Amino acid sequence: MTMTEKNLWMKEDTEGITVGLTEFAQDDLGSISFAMLPKVGSQVVAGEGVVELEAEKAVVEYEAPTSGTILAVNEEAAKNVKVLDEPGAWLYKVSK
């Protein structure tokens, strides 16, 4: 199991695939203080870095679990990064 598989979840719907932080990742990181998310419209490639998070225990770059175009990012996280500490926190949505 790669770090991404253990740390990121994916949920597919009719619009695309939503990617978020697993409970394991949240516990591993501790309180998140900064998030660098991809830009809407950008292309991501599976296996390449897509999200960078700074937290009390580590600075981590997560690899994209799937390729596609970024459709949306968690805008709330840009205003208040603490939402990424909540269960089920999502990071971005990518096309299928």
PDB file of N, CA and C in Angstrom:
ATOM      1  N   MET A   1       0.849  -1.186   0.000  1.00  0.00           N
ATOM      2  CA  MET A   1       0.000   0.000   0.000  1.00  0.00           C
ATOM      3  C   MET A   1       0.891   1.244   0.000  1.00  0.00           C
ATOM      4  N   THR A   2       0.646   2.146  -0.937  1.00  0.00           N
ATOM      5  CA  THR A   2       1.453   3.361  -0.973  1.00  0.00           C
ATOM      6  C   THR A   2       0.927   4.361   0.055  1.00  0.00           C
ATOM      7  N   MET A   3       1.761   5.350   0.331  1.00  0.00           N
ATOM      8  CA  MET A   3       1.361   6.387   1.282  1.00  0.00           C
ATOM      9  C   MET A   3       0.057   7.052   0.841  1.00  0.00           C
ATOM     10  N   THR A   4      -0.069   7.290  -0.453  1.00  0.00           N
ATOM     11  CA  THR A   4      -1.276   7.934  -0.962  1.00  0.00           C
ATOM     12  C   THR A   4      -2.512   7.082  -0.688  1.00  0.00           C
ATOM     13  N   GLU A   5      -2.426   5.772  -0.941  1.00  0.00           N
ATOM     14  CA  GLU A   5      -3.583   4.901  -0.722  1.00  0.00           C
ATOM     15  C   GLU A   5      -4.001   4.882   0.741  1.00  0.00           C
ATOM     16  N   LYS A   6      -3.045   5.009   1.622  1.00  0.00           N
ATOM     17  CA  LYS A   6      -3.342   4.980   3.046  1.00  0.00           C
ATOM     18  C   LYS A   6      -3.834   6.343   3.539  1.00  0.00           C
ATOM     19  N   ASN A   7      -3.435   7.405   2.849  1.00  0.00           N
ATOM     20  CA  ASN A   7      -3.693   8.754   3.319  1.00  0.00           C
ATOM     21  C   ASN A   7      -4.792   9.507   2.580  1.00  0.00           C
ATOM     22  N   LEU A   8      -5.135   9.068   1.382  1.00  0.00           N
ATOM     23  CA  LEU A   8      -6.167   9.744   0.595  1.00  0.00           C
ATOM     24  C   LEU A   8      -7.286   8.783   0.239  1.00  0.00           C
ATOM     25  N   TRP A   9      -8.528   9.285   0.344  1.00  0.00           N
ATOM     26  CA  TRP A   9      -9.659   8.488  -0.107  1.00  0.00           C
ATOM     27  C   TRP A   9     -10.173   9.085  -1.415  1.00  0.00           C
ATOM     28  N   MET A  10     -10.878   8.258  -2.197  1.00  0.00           N
ATOM     29  CA  MET A  10     -11.494   8.714  -3.440  1.00  0.00           C
ATOM     30  C   MET A  10     -12.956   8.290  -3.442  1.00  0.00           C
ATOM     31  N   LYS A  11     -13.803   9.197  -3.931  1.00  0.00           N
ATOM     32  CA  LYS A  11     -15.234   8.897  -4.047  1.00  0.00           C
ATOM     33  C   LYS A  11     -15.695   9.385  -5.418  1.00  0.00           C
ATOM     34  N   GLU A  12     -16.182   8.438  -6.215  1.00  0.00           N
ATOM     35  CA  GLU A  12     -16.612   8.765  -7.573  1.00  0.00           C
ATOM     36  C   GLU A  12     -18.104   9.058  -7.607  1.00  0.00           C
ATOM     37  N   ASP A  13     -18.482  10.098  -8.381  1.00  0.00           N
ATOM     38  CA  ASP A  13     -19.893  10.377  -8.638  1.00  0.00           C
ATOM     39  C   ASP A  13     -20.023  10.734 -10.117  1.00  0.00           C
ATOM     40  N   THR A  14     -21.173  11.240 -10.531  1.00  0.00           N
ATOM     41  CA  THR A  14     -21.399  11.515 -11.954  1.00  0.00           C
ATOM     42  C   THR A  14     -20.516  12.649 -12.477  1.00  0.00           C
ATOM     43  N   GLU A  15     -20.086  13.570 -11.597  1.00  0.00           N
ATOM     44  CA  GLU A  15     -19.291  14.716 -12.028  1.00  0.00           C
ATOM     45  C   GLU A  15     -17.797  14.419 -12.095  1.00  0.00           C
ATOM     46  N   GLY A  16     -17.310  13.545 -11.242  1.00  0.00           N
ATOM     47  CA  GLY A  16     -15.882  13.271 -11.201  1.00  0.00           C
ATOM     48  C   GLY A  16     -15.511  12.471  -9.968  1.00  0.00           C
ATOM     49  N   ILE A  17     -14.266  12.620  -9.530  1.00  0.00           N
ATOM     50  CA  ILE A  17     -13.762  11.883  -8.378  1.00  0.00           C
ATOM     51  C   ILE A  17     -13.301  12.882  -7.323  1.00  0.00           C
ATOM     52  N   THR A  18     -13.882  12.799  -6.148  1.00  0.00           N
ATOM     53  CA  THR A  18     -13.479  13.658  -5.037  1.00  0.00           C
ATOM     54  C   THR A  18     -12.379  12.942  -4.270  1.00  0.00           C
ATOM     55  N   VAL A  19     -11.336  13.691  -3.906  1.00  0.00           N
ATOM     56  CA  VAL A  19     -10.196  13.152  -3.180  1.00  0.00           C
ATOM     57  C   VAL A  19     -10.094  13.876  -1.846  1.00  0.00           C
ATOM     58  N   GLY A  20      -9.911  13.104  -0.764  1.00  0.00           N
ATOM     59  CA  GLY A  20      -9.833  13.714   0.561  1.00  0.00           C
ATOM     60  C   GLY A  20      -8.846  12.997   1.459  1.00  0.00           C
ATOM     61  N   LEU A  21      -8.711  13.517   2.662  1.00  0.00           N
ATOM     62  CA  LEU A  21      -7.785  12.962   3.649  1.00  0.00           C
ATOM     63  C   LEU A  21      -8.443  11.862   4.465  1.00  0.00           C
ATOM     64  N   THR A  22      -7.749  10.750   4.621  1.00  0.00           N
ATOM     65  CA  THR A  22      -8.257   9.672   5.471  1.00  0.00           C
ATOM     66  C   THR A  22      -8.038  10.041   6.941  1.00  0.00           C
ATOM     67  N   GLU A  23      -8.725   9.341   7.808  1.00  0.00           N
ATOM     68  CA  GLU A  23      -8.542   9.530   9.248  1.00  0.00           C
ATOM     69  C   GLU A  23      -7.101   9.190   9.633  1.00  0.00           C
ATOM     70  N   PHE A  24      -6.526   8.179   8.982  1.00  0.00           N
ATOM     71  CA  PHE A  24      -5.143   7.794   9.242  1.00  0.00           C
ATOM     72  C   PHE A  24      -4.203   8.978   8.983  1.00  0.00           C
ATOM     73  N   ALA A  25      -4.388   9.646   7.847  1.00  0.00           N
ATOM     74  CA  ALA A  25      -3.536  10.788   7.494  1.00  0.00           C
ATOM     75  C   ALA A  25      -3.701  11.917   8.495  1.00  0.00           C
ATOM     76  N   GLN A  26      -4.943  12.184   8.883  1.00  0.00           N
ATOM     77  CA  GLN A  26      -5.191  13.257   9.840  1.00  0.00           C
ATOM     78  C   GLN A  26      -4.513  12.965  11.176  1.00  0.00           C
ATOM     79  N   ASP A  27      -4.596  11.727  11.635  1.00  0.00           N
ATOM     80  CA  ASP A  27      -3.943  11.343  12.887  1.00  0.00           C
ATOM     81  C   ASP A  27      -2.425  11.440  12.756  1.00  0.00           C
ATOM     82  N   ASP A  28      -1.915  11.015  11.599  1.00  0.00           N
ATOM     83  CA  ASP A  28      -0.475  11.014  11.346  1.00  0.00           C
ATOM     84  C   ASP A  28       0.101  12.435  11.298  1.00  0.00           C
ATOM     85  N   LEU A  29      -0.662  13.365  10.722  1.00  0.00           N
ATOM     86  CA  LEU A  29      -0.196  14.737  10.562  1.00  0.00           C
ATOM     87  C   LEU A  29      -0.331  15.577  11.821  1.00  0.00           C
ATOM     88  N   GLY A  30      -1.399  15.361  12.572  1.00  0.00           N
ATOM     89  CA  GLY A  30      -1.722  16.272  13.662  1.00  0.00           C
ATOM     90  C   GLY A  30      -2.439  17.485  13.071  1.00  0.00           C
ATOM     91  N   SER A  31      -2.447  18.571  13.791  1.00  0.00           N
ATOM     92  CA  SER A  31      -3.166  19.777  13.377  1.00  0.00           C
ATOM     93  C   SER A  31      -2.518  20.390  12.130  1.00  0.00           C
ATOM     94  N   ILE A  32      -3.311  20.561  11.074  1.00  0.00           N
ATOM     95  CA  ILE A  32      -2.812  21.103   9.809  1.00  0.00           C
ATOM     96  C   ILE A  32      -2.767  22.623   9.890  1.00  0.00           C
ATOM     97  N   SER A  33      -1.638  23.189   9.454  1.00  0.00           N
ATOM     98  CA  SER A  33      -1.464  24.643   9.534  1.00  0.00           C
ATOM     99  C   SER A  33      -1.415  25.327   8.164  1.00  0.00           C
ATOM    100  N   PHE A  34      -1.150  24.556   7.097  1.00  0.00           N
ATOM    101  CA  PHE A  34      -1.060  25.135   5.757  1.00  0.00           C
ATOM    102  C   PHE A  34      -1.365  24.062   4.723  1.00  0.00           C
ATOM    103  N   ALA A  35      -2.088  24.449   3.673  1.00  0.00           N
ATOM    104  CA  ALA A  35      -2.395  23.517   2.586  1.00  0.00           C
ATOM    105  C   ALA A  35      -2.154  24.198   1.244  1.00  0.00           C
ATOM    106  N   MET A  36      -1.414  23.525   0.372  1.00  0.00           N
ATOM    107  CA  MET A  36      -1.237  23.993  -0.992  1.00  0.00           C
ATOM    108  C   MET A  36      -1.980  23.008  -1.894  1.00  0.00           C
ATOM    109  N   LEU A  37      -3.114  23.472  -2.417  1.00  0.00           N
ATOM    110  CA  LEU A  37      -3.979  22.633  -3.248  1.00  0.00           C
ATOM    111  C   LEU A  37      -3.760  22.973  -4.717  1.00  0.00           C
ATOM    112  N   PRO A  38      -4.109  22.058  -5.617  1.00  0.00           N
ATOM    113  CA  PRO A  38      -3.949  22.341  -7.050  1.00  0.00           C
ATOM    114  C   PRO A  38      -4.929  23.425  -7.498  1.00  0.00           C
ATOM    115  N   LYS A  39      -4.660  24.035  -8.635  1.00  0.00           N
ATOM    116  CA  LYS A  39      -5.542  25.074  -9.180  1.00  0.00           C
ATOM    117  C   LYS A  39      -6.610  24.431 -10.066  1.00  0.00           C
ATOM    118  N   VAL A  40      -7.822  24.981  -9.993  1.00  0.00           N
ATOM    119  CA  VAL A  40      -8.915  24.511 -10.844  1.00  0.00           C
ATOM    120  C   VAL A  40      -8.492  24.684 -12.303  1.00  0.00           C
ATOM    121  N   GLY A  41      -8.722  23.646 -13.093  1.00  0.00           N
ATOM    122  CA  GLY A  41      -8.372  23.666 -14.506  1.00  0.00           C
ATOM    123  C   GLY A  41      -7.010  23.056 -14.799  1.00  0.00           C
ATOM    124  N   SER A  42      -6.196  22.856 -13.744  1.00  0.00           N
ATOM    125  CA  SER A  42      -4.877  22.265 -13.970  1.00  0.00           C
ATOM    126  C   SER A  42      -5.003  20.760 -14.183  1.00  0.00           C
ATOM    127  N   GLN A  43      -4.002  20.197 -14.845  1.00  0.00           N
ATOM    128  CA  GLN A  43      -3.952  18.757 -15.098  1.00  0.00           C
ATOM    129  C   GLN A  43      -3.124  18.095 -14.012  1.00  0.00           C
ATOM    130  N   VAL A  44      -3.590  16.964 -13.503  1.00  0.00           N
ATOM    131  CA  VAL A  44      -2.801  16.181 -12.550  1.00  0.00           C
ATOM    132  C   VAL A  44      -2.566  14.798 -13.145  1.00  0.00           C
ATOM    133  N   VAL A  45      -1.429  14.224 -12.798  1.00  0.00           N
ATOM    134  CA  VAL A  45      -1.052  12.910 -13.303  1.00  0.00           C
ATOM    135  C   VAL A  45      -0.875  11.977 -12.113  1.00  0.00           C
ATOM    136  N   ALA A  46      -1.496  10.814 -12.192  1.00  0.00           N
ATOM    137  CA  ALA A  46      -1.383   9.828 -11.116  1.00  0.00           C
ATOM    138  C   ALA A  46       0.080   9.565 -10.801  1.00  0.00           C
ATOM    139  N   GLY A  47       0.412   9.593  -9.514  1.00  0.00           N
ATOM    140  CA  GLY A  47       1.764   9.326  -9.077  1.00  0.00           C
ATOM    141  C   GLY A  47       2.630  10.566  -8.936  1.00  0.00           C
ATOM    142  N   GLU A  48       2.133  11.724  -9.393  1.00  0.00           N
ATOM    143  CA  GLU A  48       2.879  12.968  -9.250  1.00  0.00           C
ATOM    144  C   GLU A  48       2.317  13.783  -8.090  1.00  0.00           C
ATOM    145  N   GLY A  49       3.151  14.609  -7.484  1.00  0.00           N
ATOM    146  CA  GLY A  49       2.723  15.431  -6.354  1.00  0.00           C
ATOM    147  C   GLY A  49       1.577  16.347  -6.726  1.00  0.00           C
ATOM    148  N   VAL A  50       0.570  16.415  -5.838  1.00  0.00           N
ATOM    149  CA  VAL A  50      -0.606  17.238  -6.138  1.00  0.00           C
ATOM    150  C   VAL A  50      -1.009  18.131  -4.964  1.00  0.00           C
ATOM    151  N   VAL A  51      -0.784  17.694  -3.742  1.00  0.00           N
ATOM    152  CA  VAL A  51      -1.186  18.439  -2.554  1.00  0.00           C
ATOM    153  C   VAL A  51      -0.026  18.459  -1.567  1.00  0.00           C
ATOM    154  N   GLU A  52       0.233  19.633  -0.991  1.00  0.00           N
ATOM    155  CA  GLU A  52       1.249  19.730   0.050  1.00  0.00           C
ATOM    156  C   GLU A  52       0.586  20.258   1.321  1.00  0.00           C
ATOM    157  N   LEU A  53       0.834  19.564   2.418  1.00  0.00           N
ATOM    158  CA  LEU A  53       0.260  19.959   3.701  1.00  0.00           C
ATOM    159  C   LEU A  53       1.369  20.143   4.734  1.00  0.00           C
ATOM    160  N   GLU A  54       1.241  21.225   5.500  1.00  0.00           N
ATOM    161  CA  GLU A  54       2.127  21.436   6.640  1.00  0.00           C
ATOM    162  C   GLU A  54       1.288  21.219   7.885  1.00  0.00           C
ATOM    163  N   ALA A  55       1.846  20.482   8.830  1.00  0.00           N
ATOM    164  CA  ALA A  55       1.135  20.201  10.071  1.00  0.00           C
ATOM    165  C   ALA A  55       2.130  20.158  11.216  1.00  0.00           C
ATOM    166  N   GLU A  56       1.604  19.957  12.439  1.00  0.00           N
ATOM    167  CA  GLU A  56       2.481  19.994  13.600  1.00  0.00           C
ATOM    168  C   GLU A  56       3.510  18.870  13.607  1.00  0.00           C
ATOM    169  N   LYS A  57       3.207  17.742  12.960  1.00  0.00           N
ATOM    170  CA  LYS A  57       4.121  16.597  12.986  1.00  0.00           C
ATOM    171  C   LYS A  57       4.943  16.424  11.715  1.00  0.00           C
ATOM    172  N   ALA A  58       4.540  17.041  10.602  1.00  0.00           N
ATOM    173  CA  ALA A  58       5.248  16.801   9.345  1.00  0.00           C
ATOM    174  C   ALA A  58       4.825  17.786   8.263  1.00  0.00           C
ATOM    175  N   VAL A  59       5.660  17.873   7.228  1.00  0.00           N
ATOM    176  CA  VAL A  59       5.301  18.529   5.971  1.00  0.00           C
ATOM    177  C   VAL A  59       5.279  17.404   4.947  1.00  0.00           C
ATOM    178  N   VAL A  60       4.145  17.234   4.272  1.00  0.00           N
ATOM    179  CA  VAL A  60       3.965  16.086   3.399  1.00  0.00           C
ATOM    180  C   VAL A  60       3.424  16.522   2.046  1.00  0.00           C
ATOM    181  N   GLU A  61       3.952  15.908   0.988  1.00  0.00           N
ATOM    182  CA  GLU A  61       3.395  16.083  -0.348  1.00  0.00           C
ATOM    183  C   GLU A  61       2.739  14.765  -0.734  1.00  0.00           C
ATOM    184  N   TYR A  62       1.471  14.827  -1.091  1.00  0.00           N
ATOM    185  CA  TYR A  62       0.742  13.627  -1.493  1.00  0.00           C
ATOM    186  C   TYR A  62       0.695  13.535  -3.011  1.00  0.00           C
ATOM    187  N   GLU A  63       0.787  12.302  -3.498  1.00  0.00           N
ATOM    188  CA  GLU A  63       0.715  12.043  -4.932  1.00  0.00           C
ATOM    189  C   GLU A  63      -0.739  11.872  -5.354  1.00  0.00           C
ATOM    190  N   ALA A  64      -1.029  12.315  -6.557  1.00  0.00           N
ATOM    191  CA  ALA A  64      -2.373  12.164  -7.110  1.00  0.00           C
ATOM    192  C   ALA A  64      -2.689  10.682  -7.284  1.00  0.00           C
ATOM    193  N   PRO A  65      -3.829  10.226  -6.755  1.00  0.00           N
ATOM    194  CA  PRO A  65      -4.194   8.826  -6.917  1.00  0.00           C
ATOM    195  C   PRO A  65      -4.775   8.514  -8.297  1.00  0.00           C
ATOM    196  N   THR A  66      -5.149   9.572  -9.044  1.00  0.00           N
ATOM    197  CA  THR A  66      -5.727   9.395 -10.368  1.00  0.00           C
ATOM    198  C   THR A  66      -5.420  10.621 -11.223  1.00  0.00           C
ATOM    199  N   SER A  67      -5.358  10.426 -12.526  1.00  0.00           N
ATOM    200  CA  SER A  67      -5.079  11.532 -13.449  1.00  0.00           C
ATOM    201  C   SER A  67      -6.373  12.209 -13.881  1.00  0.00           C
ATOM    202  N   GLY A  68      -6.263  13.482 -14.277  1.00  0.00           N
ATOM    203  CA  GLY A  68      -7.418  14.203 -14.791  1.00  0.00           C
ATOM    204  C   GLY A  68      -7.247  15.701 -14.647  1.00  0.00           C
ATOM    205  N   THR A  69      -8.341  16.419 -14.885  1.00  0.00           N
ATOM    206  CA  THR A  69      -8.374  17.874 -14.769  1.00  0.00           C
ATOM    207  C   THR A  69      -9.044  18.239 -13.446  1.00  0.00           C
ATOM    208  N   ILE A  70      -8.464  19.182 -12.723  1.00  0.00           N
ATOM    209  CA  ILE A  70      -9.040  19.622 -11.449  1.00  0.00           C
ATOM    210  C   ILE A  70     -10.328  20.392 -11.732  1.00  0.00           C
ATOM    211  N   LEU A  71     -11.436  19.912 -11.191  1.00  0.00           N
ATOM    212  CA  LEU A  71     -12.749  20.537 -11.387  1.00  0.00           C
ATOM    213  C   LEU A  71     -13.084  21.506 -10.259  1.00  0.00           C
ATOM    214  N   ALA A  72     -12.620  21.199  -9.045  1.00  0.00           N
ATOM    215  CA  ALA A  72     -12.920  22.030  -7.875  1.00  0.00           C
ATOM    216  C   ALA A  72     -11.901  21.743  -6.787  1.00  0.00           C
ATOM    217  N   VAL A  73     -11.688  22.731  -5.925  1.00  0.00           N
ATOM    218  CA  VAL A  73     -10.869  22.530  -4.729  1.00  0.00           C
ATOM    219  C   VAL A  73     -11.692  22.974  -3.527  1.00  0.00           C
ATOM    220  N   ASN A  74     -11.305  22.512  -2.365  1.00  0.00           N
ATOM    221  CA  ASN A  74     -12.013  22.871  -1.136  1.00  0.00           C
ATOM    222  C   ASN A  74     -11.670  24.319  -0.797  1.00  0.00           C
ATOM    223  N   GLU A  75     -12.499  25.251  -1.282  1.00  0.00           N
ATOM    224  CA  GLU A  75     -12.260  26.681  -1.070  1.00  0.00           C
ATOM    225  C   GLU A  75     -12.288  27.041   0.413  1.00  0.00           C
ATOM    226  N   GLU A  76     -13.085  26.329   1.176  1.00  0.00           N
ATOM    227  CA  GLU A  76     -13.156  26.583   2.619  1.00  0.00           C
ATOM    228  C   GLU A  76     -11.790  26.373   3.273  1.00  0.00           C
ATOM    229  N   ALA A  77     -11.041  25.398   2.781  1.00  0.00           N
ATOM    230  CA  ALA A  77      -9.713  25.115   3.331  1.00  0.00           C
ATOM    231  C   ALA A  77      -8.750  26.273   3.072  1.00  0.00           C
ATOM    232  N   ALA A  78      -8.956  27.002   1.968  1.00  0.00           N
ATOM    233  CA  ALA A  78      -8.115  28.155   1.667  1.00  0.00           C
ATOM    234  C   ALA A  78      -8.354  29.276   2.692  1.00  0.00           C
ATOM    235  N   LYS A  79      -9.589  29.382   3.178  1.00  0.00           N
ATOM    236  CA  LYS A  79      -9.937  30.412   4.163  1.00  0.00           C
ATOM    237  C   LYS A  79      -9.617  29.963   5.587  1.00  0.00           C
ATOM    238  N   ASN A  80      -9.886  28.683   5.863  1.00  0.00           N
ATOM    239  CA  ASN A  80      -9.709  28.142   7.213  1.00  0.00           C
ATOM    240  C   ASN A  80      -9.191  26.714   7.099  1.00  0.00           C
ATOM    241  N   VAL A  81      -7.868  26.565   7.145  1.00  0.00           N
ATOM    242  CA  VAL A  81      -7.236  25.258   6.937  1.00  0.00           C
ATOM    243  C   VAL A  81      -7.674  24.228   7.983  1.00  0.00           C
ATOM    244  N   LYS A  82      -8.216  24.665   9.094  1.00  0.00           N
ATOM    245  CA  LYS A  82      -8.648  23.752  10.160  1.00  0.00           C
ATOM    246  C   LYS A  82      -9.766  22.813   9.706  1.00  0.00           C
ATOM    247  N   VAL A  83     -10.484  23.151   8.619  1.00  0.00           N
ATOM    248  CA  VAL A  83     -11.527  22.240   8.121  1.00  0.00           C
ATOM    249  C   VAL A  83     -10.916  20.919   7.661  1.00  0.00           C
ATOM    250  N   LEU A  84      -9.612  20.922   7.339  1.00  0.00           N
ATOM    251  CA  LEU A  84      -8.961  19.689   6.911  1.00  0.00           C
ATOM    252  C   LEU A  84      -8.669  18.749   8.075  1.00  0.00           C
ATOM    253  N   ASP A  85      -8.855  19.235   9.298  1.00  0.00           N
ATOM    254  CA  ASP A  85      -8.699  18.386  10.484  1.00  0.00           C
ATOM    255  C   ASP A  85      -9.994  17.629  10.797  1.00  0.00           C
ATOM    256  N   GLU A  86     -11.090  17.996  10.125  1.00  0.00           N
ATOM    257  CA  GLU A  86     -12.388  17.381  10.395  1.00  0.00           C
ATOM    258  C   GLU A  86     -12.539  16.057   9.647  1.00  0.00           C
ATOM    259  N   PRO A  87     -13.287  15.096  10.220  1.00  0.00           N
ATOM    260  CA  PRO A  87     -13.507  13.801   9.560  1.00  0.00           C
ATOM    261  C   PRO A  87     -14.111  13.978   8.163  1.00  0.00           C
ATOM    262  N   GLY A  88     -13.628  13.193   7.224  1.00  0.00           N
ATOM    263  CA  GLY A  88     -14.171  13.236   5.863  1.00  0.00           C
ATOM    264  C   GLY A  88     -13.736  14.440   5.050  1.00  0.00           C
ATOM    265  N   ALA A  89     -12.719  15.173   5.506  1.00  0.00           N
ATOM    266  CA  ALA A  89     -12.275  16.382   4.808  1.00  0.00           C
ATOM    267  C   ALA A  89     -11.875  16.072   3.368  1.00  0.00           C
ATOM    268  N   TRP A  90     -12.394  16.875   2.432  1.00  0.00           N
ATOM    269  CA  TRP A  90     -12.039  16.672   1.032  1.00  0.00           C
ATOM    270  C   TRP A  90     -11.061  17.754   0.597  1.00  0.00           C
ATOM    271  N   LEU A  91     -10.238  17.427  -0.404  1.00  0.00           N
ATOM    272  CA  LEU A  91      -9.204  18.331  -0.890  1.00  0.00           C
ATOM    273  C   LEU A  91      -9.569  18.921  -2.260  1.00  0.00           C
ATOM    274  N   TYR A  92      -9.884  18.033  -3.215  1.00  0.00           N
ATOM    275  CA  TYR A  92     -10.202  18.492  -4.564  1.00  0.00           C
ATOM    276  C   TYR A  92     -11.049  17.453  -5.284  1.00  0.00           C
ATOM    277  N   LYS A  93     -11.625  17.906  -6.415  1.00  0.00           N
ATOM    278  CA  LYS A  93     -12.391  17.007  -7.294  1.00  0.00           C
ATOM    279  C   LYS A  93     -11.717  17.027  -8.655  1.00  0.00           C
ATOM    280  N   VAL A  94     -11.543  15.843  -9.242  1.00  0.00           N
ATOM    281  CA  VAL A  94     -10.865  15.687 -10.521  1.00  0.00           C
ATOM    282  C   VAL A  94     -11.790  14.979 -11.508  1.00  0.00           C
ATOM    283  N   SER A  95     -11.623  15.293 -12.806  1.00  0.00           N
ATOM    284  CA  SER A  95     -12.441  14.620 -13.823  1.00  0.00           C
ATOM    285  C   SER A  95     -12.074  13.147 -13.904  1.00  0.00           C
ATOM    286  N   LYS A  96     -13.017  12.352 -14.426  1.00  0.00           N
ATOM    287  CA  LYS A  96     -12.773  10.911 -14.582  1.00  0.00           C
ATOM    288  C   LYS A  96     -11.967  10.640 -15.818  1.00  0.00           C
TER     289      LYS A  96
END
